[in-house]
Protein backbone atom coordinates (compact mmCIF):
# COMPACT_ATOMS: atom_id res chain seq x y z
CA MET A 1 -33.38 -23.72 14.92
CA ALA A 2 -32.96 -27.47 15.32
CA LYS A 3 -30.17 -29.17 13.44
CA PRO A 4 -31.58 -31.17 10.51
CA VAL A 5 -31.77 -34.94 10.82
CA VAL A 6 -30.99 -37.38 8.00
CA ALA A 7 -32.40 -40.89 8.50
CA ILE A 8 -31.00 -43.79 6.47
CA VAL A 9 -33.79 -46.34 5.86
CA GLY A 10 -34.29 -49.45 3.78
CA ARG A 11 -34.58 -53.24 3.89
CA PRO A 12 -32.03 -55.33 5.81
CA ASN A 13 -28.70 -56.01 4.14
CA VAL A 14 -28.89 -53.21 1.57
CA GLY A 15 -25.87 -51.45 3.11
CA LYS A 16 -27.38 -48.87 5.48
CA SER A 17 -24.86 -49.41 8.25
CA THR A 18 -22.01 -49.70 5.73
CA LEU A 19 -22.92 -46.28 4.33
CA PHE A 20 -23.32 -44.82 7.81
CA ASN A 21 -19.95 -46.14 8.92
CA LYS A 22 -18.28 -44.97 5.71
CA LEU A 23 -19.58 -41.42 6.22
CA ALA A 24 -18.74 -41.49 9.91
CA GLY A 25 -15.17 -42.50 9.18
CA LYS A 26 -14.39 -39.95 6.47
CA ARG A 27 -13.30 -36.34 6.73
CA ILE A 28 -16.03 -35.40 4.23
CA SER A 29 -18.75 -36.06 6.76
CA ILE A 30 -17.84 -36.60 10.35
CA VAL A 31 -17.27 -33.95 12.97
CA GLU A 32 -17.33 -36.26 15.95
CA ASP A 33 -18.85 -39.62 16.77
CA THR A 34 -21.47 -39.35 19.45
CA PRO A 35 -22.14 -42.41 21.60
CA GLY A 36 -25.67 -43.72 21.61
CA VAL A 37 -27.55 -45.11 24.57
CA THR A 38 -26.02 -48.56 24.05
CA ARG A 39 -22.61 -47.20 23.07
CA ASP A 40 -23.17 -48.44 19.58
CA ARG A 41 -23.30 -45.95 16.73
CA ILE A 42 -26.97 -45.01 16.61
CA TYR A 43 -26.17 -41.57 15.22
CA ALA A 44 -23.31 -39.23 14.37
CA GLU A 45 -22.94 -35.49 14.02
CA ALA A 46 -21.96 -34.85 10.41
CA GLU A 47 -21.17 -32.03 8.02
CA TRP A 48 -21.08 -31.48 4.28
CA LEU A 49 -20.14 -28.18 2.65
CA ARG A 50 -21.47 -25.49 5.02
CA TYR A 51 -24.18 -27.68 6.48
CA ASN A 52 -24.22 -29.55 9.79
CA PHE A 53 -26.71 -32.32 10.42
CA THR A 54 -27.43 -35.40 12.51
CA MET A 55 -27.19 -38.73 10.70
CA ILE A 56 -29.25 -41.69 11.97
CA ASP A 57 -28.67 -45.37 11.21
CA THR A 58 -32.06 -47.10 11.44
CA GLY A 59 -32.95 -50.76 11.76
CA GLY A 60 -33.85 -52.72 8.65
CA ILE A 61 -37.45 -52.53 7.46
CA GLU A 62 -38.57 -56.02 6.56
CA PRO A 63 -42.06 -56.40 5.08
CA GLN A 64 -43.61 -59.87 5.26
CA ASN A 65 -47.03 -61.34 4.64
CA ASP A 66 -47.75 -61.54 8.37
CA ASP A 67 -50.05 -58.63 9.26
CA ILE A 68 -48.34 -58.09 12.64
CA ILE A 69 -44.91 -57.83 11.02
CA ILE A 70 -46.23 -55.42 8.40
CA ALA A 71 -47.73 -53.27 11.18
CA GLN A 72 -44.40 -53.25 13.02
CA MET A 73 -42.61 -52.34 9.80
CA ARG A 74 -45.05 -49.51 9.13
CA ARG A 75 -44.61 -48.13 12.64
CA GLN A 76 -40.83 -48.21 12.37
CA ALA A 77 -40.87 -46.47 9.00
CA GLN A 78 -43.31 -43.88 10.35
CA ILE A 79 -40.99 -43.08 13.26
CA ALA A 80 -38.13 -42.50 10.82
CA ILE A 81 -40.37 -40.26 8.73
CA GLU A 82 -41.44 -38.19 11.75
CA THR A 83 -37.90 -37.85 13.08
CA ALA A 84 -36.08 -36.96 9.88
CA THR A 85 -35.69 -33.75 7.93
CA VAL A 86 -34.54 -35.77 4.90
CA ILE A 87 -34.89 -39.53 4.38
CA VAL A 88 -32.23 -41.47 2.49
CA PHE A 89 -33.87 -44.60 1.05
CA ILE A 90 -31.22 -47.26 0.35
CA VAL A 91 -31.91 -50.06 -2.14
CA ASP A 92 -29.71 -52.93 -3.36
CA GLY A 93 -28.38 -52.42 -6.89
CA LYS A 94 -27.15 -56.02 -7.16
CA GLU A 95 -30.35 -57.68 -5.98
CA GLY A 96 -32.53 -55.32 -7.98
CA LEU A 97 -36.04 -54.03 -7.32
CA THR A 98 -38.09 -56.12 -4.87
CA PRO A 99 -41.72 -56.04 -3.70
CA ALA A 100 -40.45 -54.99 -0.27
CA ASP A 101 -38.82 -51.91 -1.83
CA HIS A 102 -42.19 -50.99 -3.33
CA GLU A 103 -43.88 -51.25 0.08
CA VAL A 104 -41.28 -49.08 1.80
CA ALA A 105 -41.36 -46.58 -1.06
CA HIS A 106 -45.13 -46.32 -0.76
CA MET A 107 -44.83 -45.33 2.90
CA LEU A 108 -42.15 -42.75 2.15
CA ARG A 109 -43.93 -41.40 -0.92
CA THR A 110 -47.09 -40.61 1.05
CA SER A 111 -45.13 -38.48 3.54
CA LYS A 112 -44.33 -34.83 3.07
CA LYS A 113 -40.65 -35.40 3.83
CA PRO A 114 -38.09 -35.21 1.01
CA VAL A 115 -36.71 -38.63 0.05
CA VAL A 116 -33.35 -39.25 -1.63
CA LEU A 117 -33.29 -42.60 -3.45
CA VAL A 118 -29.84 -44.21 -3.29
CA VAL A 119 -28.91 -47.39 -5.19
CA ASN A 120 -26.08 -49.06 -3.30
CA LYS A 121 -23.60 -51.76 -4.34
CA VAL A 122 -23.01 -50.20 -7.77
CA ASP A 123 -19.31 -51.00 -7.86
CA SER A 124 -18.67 -50.42 -11.57
CA LEU A 125 -20.06 -48.68 -14.65
CA LYS A 126 -21.48 -52.03 -15.78
CA ASP A 127 -23.68 -52.15 -12.68
CA GLU A 128 -25.14 -48.67 -13.28
CA ASN A 129 -27.66 -50.05 -15.78
CA ASN A 130 -29.29 -51.88 -12.88
CA ALA A 131 -30.33 -48.54 -11.39
CA PHE A 132 -32.84 -47.65 -14.08
CA GLU A 133 -35.48 -50.09 -12.82
CA PHE A 134 -35.70 -48.13 -9.55
CA TYR A 135 -37.43 -45.28 -11.40
CA ASN A 136 -40.49 -47.53 -11.01
CA LEU A 137 -40.59 -46.63 -7.32
CA GLY A 138 -41.83 -43.16 -8.27
CA ILE A 139 -39.78 -41.21 -5.72
CA GLY A 140 -37.30 -39.43 -7.95
CA ASP A 141 -34.01 -40.01 -9.72
CA PRO A 142 -31.87 -42.78 -8.23
CA ILE A 143 -28.33 -41.91 -7.20
CA THR A 144 -25.82 -44.73 -7.61
CA ILE A 145 -23.16 -45.33 -4.99
CA SER A 146 -20.84 -47.99 -3.61
CA ALA A 147 -20.74 -47.59 0.16
CA THR A 148 -17.89 -50.08 0.54
CA GLN A 149 -15.70 -48.34 -2.06
CA GLY A 150 -16.83 -44.79 -1.28
CA LEU A 151 -18.04 -44.12 -4.84
CA GLY A 152 -20.71 -41.49 -5.51
CA LEU A 153 -20.95 -40.25 -1.92
CA GLY A 154 -20.28 -36.62 -2.88
CA ASP A 155 -23.17 -36.53 -5.35
CA MET A 156 -25.42 -38.18 -2.79
CA LEU A 157 -24.52 -35.64 -0.07
CA ASP A 158 -24.97 -32.75 -2.51
CA THR A 159 -28.50 -33.96 -3.18
CA ILE A 160 -29.25 -34.40 0.52
CA VAL A 161 -28.22 -30.87 1.52
CA GLU A 162 -30.23 -29.38 -1.38
CA HIS A 163 -33.30 -30.25 0.69
CA PHE A 164 -32.07 -28.27 3.71
CA LYS A 165 -33.59 -24.83 4.02
CA ASP A 166 -31.10 -22.06 4.70
CA SER A 167 -33.44 -20.82 7.42
CA ASP A 168 -32.70 -24.05 9.30
CA TYR A 169 -29.16 -22.81 9.89
CA GLN A 170 -29.84 -19.27 10.96
CA GLU A 171 -29.39 -19.60 14.70
CA ASN A 172 -32.11 -17.21 15.79
CA ASP A 173 -31.73 -18.49 19.32
CA ASP A 174 -28.16 -17.26 19.80
CA GLU A 175 -29.27 -14.76 22.42
CA TYR A 176 -30.92 -17.56 24.41
CA ILE A 177 -29.18 -19.93 26.80
CA ARG A 178 -30.26 -23.48 25.96
CA ILE A 179 -30.77 -25.61 29.08
CA ALA A 180 -31.44 -29.33 28.63
CA MET A 181 -33.09 -31.19 31.51
CA VAL A 182 -31.78 -34.76 31.44
CA GLY A 183 -32.29 -37.74 33.68
CA LYS A 184 -34.11 -41.00 34.14
CA PRO A 185 -37.85 -41.28 33.45
CA ASN A 186 -40.16 -39.89 36.13
CA VAL A 187 -37.43 -37.91 37.92
CA GLY A 188 -39.37 -34.64 37.68
CA LYS A 189 -37.96 -32.90 34.60
CA SER A 190 -41.36 -31.79 33.29
CA SER A 191 -42.50 -30.69 36.74
CA LEU A 192 -39.41 -28.53 37.20
CA ILE A 193 -39.86 -26.86 33.81
CA ASN A 194 -43.49 -26.10 34.63
CA LYS A 195 -42.41 -24.62 37.97
CA LEU A 196 -39.82 -22.39 36.27
CA LEU A 197 -42.31 -21.34 33.60
CA GLY A 198 -45.06 -20.74 36.11
CA GLU A 199 -47.55 -22.72 34.05
CA ASP A 200 -48.40 -26.30 33.06
CA ARG A 201 -46.64 -26.18 29.68
CA VAL A 202 -45.46 -29.81 29.75
CA ILE A 203 -47.52 -32.91 30.52
CA VAL A 204 -46.71 -34.29 33.95
CA SER A 205 -47.53 -37.90 34.86
CA ASP A 206 -46.36 -40.57 37.28
CA ILE A 207 -46.12 -42.97 34.33
CA PRO A 208 -42.46 -43.21 33.21
CA GLY A 209 -41.91 -42.24 29.60
CA THR A 210 -44.66 -39.61 29.34
CA THR A 211 -42.24 -37.29 27.51
CA ARG A 212 -41.14 -38.99 24.29
CA ASP A 213 -39.80 -36.02 22.41
CA SER A 214 -37.67 -33.03 23.30
CA ILE A 215 -39.88 -30.03 24.00
CA ASP A 216 -38.55 -26.46 23.88
CA SER A 217 -40.00 -23.71 26.07
CA HIS A 218 -38.85 -20.09 25.89
CA LEU A 219 -38.46 -18.08 29.08
CA GLU A 220 -37.35 -14.50 29.70
CA THR A 221 -36.38 -13.27 33.18
CA GLU A 222 -34.25 -10.52 34.69
CA LEU A 223 -31.33 -12.97 34.38
CA GLY A 224 -31.72 -13.22 30.61
CA LYS A 225 -33.39 -15.34 27.95
CA PHE A 226 -33.53 -19.11 28.25
CA ILE A 227 -34.76 -22.09 26.29
CA LEU A 228 -35.75 -24.93 28.60
CA VAL A 229 -35.60 -28.32 26.87
CA ASP A 230 -37.59 -31.17 28.40
CA THR A 231 -36.08 -34.46 27.22
CA ALA A 232 -37.30 -38.03 27.33
CA GLY A 233 -35.87 -40.01 30.21
CA LEU A 234 -33.09 -42.38 29.19
CA ARG A 235 -33.61 -45.97 30.32
CA ARG A 236 -31.15 -48.78 30.83
CA LYS A 237 -30.07 -50.60 27.68
CA SER A 238 -32.14 -53.67 28.59
CA LYS A 239 -35.30 -51.54 28.70
CA VAL A 240 -34.78 -49.68 25.41
CA LYS A 241 -36.72 -52.14 23.29
CA LYS A 242 -39.56 -50.33 21.57
CA GLU A 243 -38.59 -48.45 18.43
CA ILE A 244 -40.39 -45.32 19.59
CA GLU A 245 -38.20 -45.29 22.71
CA ARG A 246 -35.09 -45.87 20.59
CA TYR A 247 -35.85 -42.68 18.69
CA SER A 248 -36.64 -40.84 21.92
CA VAL A 249 -33.10 -41.68 22.99
CA ILE A 250 -31.76 -40.20 19.76
CA ARG A 251 -33.75 -37.01 20.27
CA THR A 252 -32.52 -36.71 23.85
CA LEU A 253 -28.88 -37.12 22.85
CA THR A 254 -29.37 -34.58 20.07
CA SER A 255 -30.81 -32.14 22.63
CA ILE A 256 -27.72 -32.62 24.81
CA GLU A 257 -25.50 -31.89 21.81
CA ARG A 258 -27.44 -28.70 21.02
CA SER A 259 -27.54 -27.44 24.61
CA ASP A 260 -25.35 -24.92 26.39
CA VAL A 261 -26.10 -26.17 29.90
CA CYS A 262 -27.16 -29.70 30.88
CA ILE A 263 -28.97 -30.13 34.19
CA LEU A 264 -28.78 -33.69 35.46
CA MET A 265 -31.82 -34.38 37.63
CA ILE A 266 -31.37 -37.08 40.27
CA ASP A 267 -34.18 -38.65 42.27
CA ALA A 268 -33.32 -38.14 45.94
CA GLN A 269 -35.20 -41.34 46.83
CA ASP A 270 -33.13 -43.48 44.43
CA GLY A 271 -29.77 -41.81 44.95
CA VAL A 272 -27.14 -41.68 42.22
CA THR A 273 -27.60 -44.62 39.83
CA ASP A 274 -25.48 -46.09 37.05
CA GLN A 275 -27.97 -44.67 34.57
CA ASP A 276 -27.46 -41.15 35.94
CA GLU A 277 -23.74 -41.58 35.33
CA LYS A 278 -24.29 -42.74 31.74
CA ILE A 279 -26.75 -39.96 30.92
CA ILE A 280 -24.56 -37.09 32.08
CA GLY A 281 -21.50 -38.85 30.66
CA TYR A 282 -22.63 -37.83 27.17
CA ALA A 283 -22.63 -34.16 28.17
CA HIS A 284 -19.28 -34.54 29.90
CA GLU A 285 -17.70 -36.09 26.79
CA LEU A 286 -18.92 -33.08 24.79
CA ASN A 287 -17.49 -30.69 27.42
CA LYS A 288 -20.86 -29.05 28.00
CA ALA A 289 -21.69 -26.84 30.96
CA VAL A 290 -23.15 -29.13 33.62
CA MET A 291 -24.97 -28.78 36.93
CA ILE A 292 -26.65 -31.36 39.15
CA VAL A 293 -30.09 -31.01 40.69
CA VAL A 294 -31.30 -33.48 43.32
CA ASN A 295 -35.10 -33.46 43.13
CA LYS A 296 -37.79 -34.72 45.56
CA TRP A 297 -35.70 -33.57 48.52
CA ASP A 298 -38.94 -32.91 50.41
CA LEU A 299 -39.64 -36.66 50.51
CA ILE A 300 -36.41 -37.52 52.32
CA GLU A 301 -36.23 -37.92 56.10
CA LYS A 302 -33.35 -35.68 57.08
CA ASP A 303 -31.01 -34.95 59.89
CA ASP A 304 -28.05 -32.59 60.08
CA LYS A 305 -25.84 -35.05 58.15
CA THR A 306 -28.19 -36.15 55.35
CA MET A 307 -27.15 -33.56 52.78
CA GLU A 308 -23.44 -34.11 53.41
CA LYS A 309 -23.87 -37.86 52.93
CA PHE A 310 -25.61 -37.24 49.62
CA LYS A 311 -22.88 -34.84 48.51
CA LYS A 312 -20.26 -37.51 49.24
CA GLU A 313 -22.25 -40.03 47.20
CA ILE A 314 -22.31 -37.60 44.26
CA ALA A 315 -18.57 -36.95 44.61
CA ILE A 316 -17.81 -40.68 44.54
CA LYS A 317 -20.20 -41.91 41.84
CA LEU A 318 -19.86 -38.84 39.62
CA SER A 319 -16.18 -38.18 40.30
CA PHE A 320 -15.60 -37.05 36.69
CA LEU A 321 -18.01 -34.16 37.38
CA SER A 322 -16.03 -32.64 40.23
CA TYR A 323 -16.44 -29.25 38.52
CA ALA A 324 -20.26 -29.36 38.52
CA PRO A 325 -22.24 -27.41 41.15
CA TYR A 326 -25.42 -28.90 42.60
CA LEU A 327 -28.69 -28.01 44.28
CA PHE A 328 -31.17 -29.94 46.43
CA ILE A 329 -34.71 -29.00 45.41
CA SER A 330 -38.34 -29.99 45.29
CA ALA A 331 -40.05 -29.25 41.98
CA LEU A 332 -43.36 -30.04 43.70
CA THR A 333 -43.08 -27.51 46.54
CA GLY A 334 -40.74 -25.08 44.80
CA GLN A 335 -37.98 -25.47 47.40
CA ARG A 336 -34.79 -23.77 46.06
CA THR A 337 -36.08 -23.84 42.47
CA HIS A 338 -35.59 -20.06 42.31
CA LYS A 339 -31.80 -20.65 42.43
CA ILE A 340 -31.64 -22.87 39.35
CA LEU A 341 -31.57 -20.25 36.58
CA ALA A 342 -28.96 -18.15 38.40
CA MET A 343 -26.71 -21.18 38.79
CA ALA A 344 -27.27 -22.17 35.15
CA LYS A 345 -26.37 -18.62 34.07
CA ASP A 346 -23.10 -18.81 36.06
CA CYS A 347 -22.27 -22.15 34.42
CA TYR A 348 -23.00 -20.63 31.00
CA ASN A 349 -20.79 -17.60 31.69
CA ASN A 350 -17.90 -19.92 32.54
CA TYR A 351 -18.71 -22.04 29.46
CA SER A 352 -18.28 -18.84 27.42
CA ARG A 353 -15.27 -17.50 29.35
CA ARG A 354 -12.23 -16.25 27.43
CA ILE A 355 -8.79 -15.82 29.04
CA THR A 356 -6.15 -13.43 27.72
CA THR A 357 -3.08 -15.13 26.26
CA GLY A 358 -0.66 -13.38 28.61
CA LEU A 359 -2.51 -14.38 31.77
CA LEU A 360 -3.03 -17.90 30.44
CA ASN A 361 0.69 -18.45 29.82
CA GLU A 362 1.55 -16.98 33.21
CA VAL A 363 -0.61 -19.56 34.98
CA VAL A 364 0.67 -22.46 32.84
CA ASN A 365 4.33 -21.48 33.27
CA ARG A 366 3.87 -21.27 37.04
CA ALA A 367 2.26 -24.71 37.02
CA ILE A 368 5.20 -26.18 35.06
CA LEU A 369 7.70 -24.64 37.48
CA MET A 370 5.84 -26.21 40.41
CA LYS A 371 5.76 -29.64 38.76
CA GLU A 372 7.94 -30.58 35.80
CA PRO A 373 6.54 -32.95 33.16
CA PRO A 374 7.68 -36.56 33.61
CA VAL A 375 10.22 -38.13 31.26
CA VAL A 376 8.49 -40.26 28.63
CA ALA A 377 10.57 -42.40 26.21
CA LEU A 378 13.76 -40.61 27.35
CA LYS A 379 12.26 -37.21 26.47
CA ARG A 380 10.55 -34.54 28.53
CA LEU A 381 7.55 -32.53 27.40
CA LYS A 382 8.31 -28.88 26.70
CA VAL A 383 5.47 -26.36 26.44
CA TYR A 384 6.36 -23.39 24.23
CA TYR A 385 3.16 -21.41 24.72
CA VAL A 386 -0.60 -21.74 25.17
CA THR A 387 -3.49 -19.95 23.52
CA GLN A 388 -7.25 -20.13 23.80
CA THR A 389 -8.83 -20.95 20.46
CA GLY A 390 -12.51 -21.09 21.33
CA VAL A 391 -15.35 -20.97 23.81
CA LYS A 392 -18.42 -23.13 24.41
CA PRO A 393 -16.44 -25.03 25.65
CA PRO A 394 -13.27 -23.08 26.53
CA THR A 395 -10.63 -24.67 24.29
CA PHE A 396 -6.89 -24.31 24.86
CA VAL A 397 -4.10 -25.30 22.48
CA PHE A 398 -0.68 -26.16 23.94
CA PHE A 399 2.22 -25.93 21.49
CA VAL A 400 4.80 -28.50 22.55
CA ASN A 401 8.01 -30.14 21.35
CA SER A 402 6.51 -33.63 20.98
CA LYS A 403 3.03 -34.98 21.66
CA THR A 404 4.46 -38.44 22.33
CA THR A 405 6.07 -37.12 25.52
CA LEU A 406 2.69 -36.11 27.01
CA HIS A 407 1.60 -38.38 29.84
CA PHE A 408 -2.14 -38.52 30.56
CA SER A 409 -1.52 -37.74 34.24
CA TYR A 410 0.31 -34.54 33.34
CA GLU A 411 -2.50 -33.50 30.98
CA ARG A 412 -4.89 -33.94 33.90
CA TYR A 413 -2.54 -31.87 36.08
CA LEU A 414 -2.51 -29.02 33.57
CA MET A 415 -6.31 -29.10 33.36
CA ASN A 416 -6.61 -28.94 37.14
CA GLN A 417 -4.19 -25.99 37.23
CA LEU A 418 -6.32 -24.12 34.68
CA ARG A 419 -9.39 -24.78 36.81
CA ALA A 420 -7.55 -23.59 39.91
CA GLY A 421 -6.27 -20.45 38.18
CA PHE A 422 -9.55 -19.44 36.56
CA ASN A 423 -13.23 -19.86 37.32
CA PHE A 424 -14.40 -22.78 35.24
CA GLU A 425 -16.94 -24.13 37.72
CA GLY A 426 -19.81 -25.82 35.94
CA THR A 427 -18.18 -26.26 32.54
CA GLY A 428 -16.03 -28.75 30.76
CA ILE A 429 -12.81 -27.45 29.22
CA LYS A 430 -10.92 -28.88 26.28
CA LEU A 431 -7.15 -29.21 25.93
CA GLU A 432 -5.40 -29.82 22.60
CA PHE A 433 -1.69 -30.43 22.10
CA ARG A 434 0.11 -29.59 18.88
CA GLU A 435 3.72 -29.83 17.86
CA LYS A 436 5.21 -26.51 16.82
CA LYS A 437 5.57 -27.63 13.19
CA GLU A 438 1.79 -28.13 13.07
């Protein structure tokens, strides 16, 4: 099941971003910041009690008398309503109830989504009396908080998660391998999924941006069970202007976070672009399993050196993905598309790979003997032992004498030695360093 989404909405300057940043910076909520399409904090993966959810910081809703502005406001609010599992409606406890609050509340009240009314800027008991007037909005009991001081956040989060259904967290799809197709608009993601499914499940069009939401398709083959996720194409920052596209970006990034394997689709006619690098960079930062598919290969005039030139371009522009395998295909003609699921399955197996502690330490000790750690601040790093603490991605903890003696180049060396000693093709791996006292 999809991870629930909590959208924070309200008028400008009521403290939406302050609340978002407060939650994102506290142990009570954040698991890990996730970069948005513009590298600003559009959303964050969060947790409270036993629940995990995606938290969205929306733009301010500003009703005015101008009919065009009101229409824009209504569209923005409607997008938040459609995206969210629970809506947190923030109002200003110092300014008090405004006509604009009534208009936003009316939109939220007519939806079938649960709404949690939060009165912000209640910095003292004296200010709590100001919250009673917000009962007039007719959307439930107001919860008073101070986002800047961190007051009342626990009660607010308790109320939010009460609206989550336990069934939302029963991962019924555990036996499926989730594959997210990511790439620029009009690169052929929907066409490839239809080819793999053997039917026209997803709308295909030459118009960029046809897919605006992430669409899941289940597929069972002799290789296993898969969920193919068709995502909206991510555009350059300068082109992400419409609110509906802004939320498509959020849904795409959420799909990457939920996936096991990310397939970056590159248009053979355009080559590797800066946007391709940014898109797959999100998956790389999360240490997902990754593979690269170059589509529309049938449209390229080729000689005996064409493919090698393209491989060199990938190696240079996507140098951080040296571990990712790639295929040259045509979703239109079906050229090499039959190899995609097998390669994705191999990437997933490596993403789930577990190494015995004895063998792991043998490889690391040999690597240290071949190349000693450099001296940092008059001290040398000493590795006592290594253990694998998790999979998806494979996660290794190095117990050392002092983390301050770890040089980034030596960390990279150890990672390369693990890749050389074991088969981690197609997956990111994560290294953590802890001092023995930890």
